[in-house]
């Protein structure tokens, strides 16, 4: 008697398949898209806002906009380009809308509790604690440096240096030319090197 073959590994549905399911009324498909993209979009939005609480708000708003406009999404287009564009545009709009309520130089405000090193550390863990403090200090300096760039320049740096997207992919997300992407990256990298010269 022939033994049954083991089940083939379950294949993850593509973005296109999930979008089609959602457009046909399968709400579970949207949950899968959220799980697939929430971490990546969080990084991109935070790269623009530099504020965790605002990032959470904009992330929820991004998915809400995507859901409302899913019926107009053109099958065959790149879903990740589409939702990244929504995320970046929503983050930039949010920052500009609330900029007047923020004091200059307050990038990262609200994150102090999360980043404050422990007041007392075990002596045996002193070296590791010192390393964490140095990394936290570098993180703060990086946030402050990014805060001196425009939203457009921060978006390009985050998409390229954090997300690892190509110039072409970034151009599609931001709706500009690849030359503009390269120009913004060159300026942003040069400016960051100046601002972080004591750390780089």
Protein backbone atom coordinates (compact mmCIF):
# COMPACT_ATOMS: atom_id res chain seq x y z
CA UNK A 1 0.00 0.00 0.00
CA UNK A 2 1.42 3.35 -1.04
CA UNK A 3 2.14 5.74 1.81
CA UNK A 4 0.47 9.12 1.58
CA UNK A 5 2.80 11.93 0.65
CA UNK A 6 3.27 14.58 3.31
CA UNK A 7 1.30 17.76 2.83
CA UNK A 8 3.06 20.39 0.79
CA UNK A 9 4.15 23.44 2.81
CA UNK A 10 1.50 26.12 3.00
CA UNK A 11 2.30 28.93 0.58
CA UNK A 12 1.88 32.47 1.79
CA UNK A 13 -0.60 34.37 -0.39
CA UNK A 14 0.83 37.20 -2.45
CA UNK A 15 -0.17 40.82 -1.88
CA UNK A 16 -2.18 40.69 -5.10
CA UNK A 17 -4.10 37.61 -3.95
CA UNK A 18 -4.88 39.21 -0.60
CA UNK A 19 -6.05 42.43 -2.25
CA UNK A 20 -8.32 40.45 -4.59
CA UNK A 21 -9.78 38.56 -1.62
CA UNK A 22 -10.35 41.82 0.25
CA UNK A 23 -12.00 43.44 -2.75
CA UNK A 24 -14.30 40.41 -2.85
CA UNK A 25 -15.33 40.93 0.78
CA UNK A 26 -12.84 38.76 2.71
CA UNK A 27 -11.96 41.00 5.69
CA UNK A 28 -9.47 38.42 6.97
CA UNK A 29 -7.27 39.26 3.99
CA UNK A 30 -6.86 42.80 5.31
CA UNK A 31 -5.73 41.45 8.69
CA UNK A 32 -3.00 39.51 6.87
CA UNK A 33 -1.88 42.62 5.00
CA UNK A 34 -1.73 44.56 8.27
CA UNK A 35 0.43 41.86 9.90
CA UNK A 36 2.68 41.76 6.86
CA UNK A 37 3.30 45.50 6.66
CA UNK A 38 2.82 47.02 10.12
CA UNK A 39 6.44 46.66 11.29
CA UNK A 40 7.89 48.00 8.05
CA UNK A 41 5.49 50.91 7.89
CA UNK A 42 6.14 51.72 11.54
CA UNK A 43 9.86 52.15 10.78
CA UNK A 44 9.14 54.39 7.80
CA UNK A 45 6.63 56.58 9.65
CA UNK A 46 8.91 56.90 12.68
CA UNK A 47 11.71 57.94 10.34
CA UNK A 48 9.58 60.93 9.35
CA UNK A 49 8.05 61.80 12.72
CA UNK A 50 10.72 60.73 15.25
CA UNK A 51 7.96 60.32 17.83
CA UNK A 52 6.56 56.94 18.87
CA UNK A 53 3.09 58.00 19.98
CA UNK A 54 2.49 59.99 16.79
CA UNK A 55 3.87 57.08 14.76
CA UNK A 56 1.25 54.74 16.22
CA UNK A 57 -1.50 57.24 15.37
CA UNK A 58 -0.28 57.67 11.80
CA UNK A 59 0.16 53.92 11.35
CA UNK A 60 -3.50 53.37 12.25
CA UNK A 61 -4.53 56.23 9.98
CA UNK A 62 -2.48 54.73 7.14
CA UNK A 63 -4.25 51.38 7.35
CA UNK A 64 -7.62 53.11 7.68
CA UNK A 65 -6.96 55.09 4.49
CA UNK A 66 -5.74 51.96 2.71
CA UNK A 67 -8.89 50.10 3.70
CA UNK A 68 -11.19 52.92 2.59
CA UNK A 69 -9.47 53.20 -0.76
CA UNK A 70 -8.89 49.50 -1.45
CA UNK A 71 -11.70 49.43 -3.99
CA UNK A 72 -9.75 51.92 -6.11
CA UNK A 73 -6.48 49.99 -5.92
CA UNK A 74 -5.53 48.88 -9.42
CA UNK A 75 -4.78 45.16 -9.57
CA UNK A 76 -1.41 44.75 -11.22
CA UNK A 77 0.10 47.75 -9.45
CA UNK A 78 2.57 47.28 -6.60
CA UNK A 79 0.69 47.12 -3.30
CA UNK A 80 3.74 47.87 -1.17
CA UNK A 81 4.55 50.97 -3.25
CA UNK A 82 0.94 52.10 -2.87
CA UNK A 83 0.74 51.64 0.91
CA UNK A 84 4.24 53.07 1.50
CA UNK A 85 3.15 56.18 -0.39
CA UNK A 86 0.06 56.48 1.83
CA UNK A 87 2.23 56.07 4.94
CA UNK A 88 4.83 58.65 3.93
CA UNK A 89 2.27 61.23 2.77
CA UNK A 90 0.17 60.75 5.91
CA UNK A 91 3.24 61.13 8.13
CA UNK A 92 4.38 64.30 6.37
CA UNK A 93 0.87 65.79 6.55
CA UNK A 94 0.62 64.90 10.24
CA UNK A 95 3.96 66.50 11.06
CA UNK A 96 3.11 69.69 9.21
CA UNK A 97 -0.34 69.85 10.76
CA UNK A 98 0.97 69.60 14.31
CA UNK A 99 4.32 71.37 13.82
CA UNK A 100 3.01 74.57 15.38
CA UNK A 101 2.30 72.69 18.62
CA UNK A 102 5.85 71.35 18.91
CA UNK A 103 8.76 73.31 20.30
CA UNK A 104 11.81 73.56 18.09
CA UNK A 105 14.26 70.78 18.80
CA UNK A 106 11.75 68.52 20.55
CA UNK A 107 12.26 65.56 18.20
CA UNK A 108 11.80 62.31 20.08
CA UNK A 109 9.79 64.01 22.84
CA UNK A 110 7.85 61.48 24.85
CA UNK A 111 10.44 58.76 24.42
CA UNK A 112 12.68 59.72 27.36
CA UNK A 113 11.18 57.13 29.68
CA UNK A 114 11.75 54.41 27.14
CA UNK A 115 15.35 55.40 26.51
CA UNK A 116 16.47 56.40 30.01
CA UNK A 117 19.10 53.93 31.27
CA UNK A 118 18.52 52.08 34.53
CA UNK A 119 19.46 54.20 37.56
CA UNK A 120 21.24 51.30 39.23
CA UNK A 121 22.96 48.41 37.46
CA UNK A 122 24.62 45.31 38.76
CA UNK A 123 28.37 45.89 38.94
CA UNK A 124 29.06 42.72 36.97
CA UNK A 125 26.98 44.11 34.09
CA UNK A 126 28.73 47.46 34.08
CA UNK A 127 30.34 47.07 30.68
CA UNK A 128 27.08 46.03 29.03
CA UNK A 129 25.24 48.87 30.76
CA UNK A 130 27.82 51.37 29.52
CA UNK A 131 27.46 50.05 25.98
CA UNK A 132 23.66 50.46 26.18
CA UNK A 133 24.03 54.01 27.47
CA UNK A 134 26.39 54.85 24.59
CA UNK A 135 23.95 53.37 22.07
CA UNK A 136 21.07 55.30 23.62
CA UNK A 137 23.11 58.49 23.43
CA UNK A 138 23.91 57.80 19.78
CA UNK A 139 20.22 57.11 19.12
CA UNK A 140 19.27 60.44 20.69
CA UNK A 141 21.91 62.27 18.66
CA UNK A 142 20.72 60.58 15.48
CA UNK A 143 17.11 61.54 16.20
CA UNK A 144 18.15 65.15 16.81
CA UNK A 145 20.18 65.18 13.59
CA UNK A 146 17.29 63.70 11.59
CA UNK A 147 15.01 66.27 13.18
CA UNK A 148 17.02 69.01 11.45
CA UNK A 149 16.25 67.55 8.02
CA UNK A 150 13.04 68.23 6.14
CA UNK A 151 10.28 65.60 6.08
CA UNK A 152 11.13 64.78 2.45
CA UNK A 153 14.81 64.20 3.25
CA UNK A 154 13.99 62.07 6.31
CA UNK A 155 11.62 59.96 4.22
CA UNK A 156 14.31 59.29 1.61
CA UNK A 157 16.91 58.38 4.25
CA UNK A 158 14.50 56.01 6.01
CA UNK A 159 13.37 54.28 2.82
CA UNK A 160 16.94 53.89 1.54
CA UNK A 161 19.08 53.33 4.63
CA UNK A 162 16.56 51.59 6.91
CA UNK A 163 14.24 49.80 4.49
CA UNK A 164 16.89 49.12 1.87
CA UNK A 165 14.72 50.16 -1.07
CA UNK A 166 16.23 51.06 -4.43
CA UNK A 167 16.24 54.54 -5.92
CA UNK A 168 13.57 53.42 -8.40
CA UNK A 169 11.31 52.03 -5.69
CA UNK A 170 11.65 55.20 -3.60
CA UNK A 171 10.88 57.36 -6.63
CA UNK A 172 7.63 55.45 -7.17
CA UNK A 173 6.65 55.77 -3.51
CA UNK A 174 7.39 59.49 -3.32
CA UNK A 175 6.14 60.30 -6.81
CA UNK A 176 9.37 61.92 -7.97
CA UNK A 177 12.25 61.12 -10.31
CA UNK A 178 15.20 58.90 -9.43
CA UNK A 179 17.43 61.94 -9.91
CA UNK A 180 15.49 63.76 -7.20
CA UNK A 181 15.87 60.75 -4.90
CA UNK A 182 19.65 60.68 -5.46
CA UNK A 183 19.91 64.42 -4.92
CA UNK A 184 17.94 64.28 -1.66
CA UNK A 185 20.00 61.33 -0.43
CA UNK A 186 23.27 63.08 -1.23
CA UNK A 187 22.20 66.21 0.65
CA UNK A 188 20.75 64.25 3.60
CA UNK A 189 23.82 62.04 4.00
CA UNK A 190 26.16 65.03 3.78
CA UNK A 191 24.12 66.97 6.34
CA UNK A 192 23.94 63.99 8.72
CA UNK A 193 27.71 63.52 8.49
CA UNK A 194 28.15 67.15 9.52
CA UNK A 195 25.71 66.89 12.41
CA UNK A 196 27.13 63.57 13.64
CA UNK A 197 30.80 64.31 13.03
CA UNK A 198 31.61 63.59 16.69
CA UNK A 199 30.05 60.12 16.41
CA UNK A 200 30.84 59.00 12.87
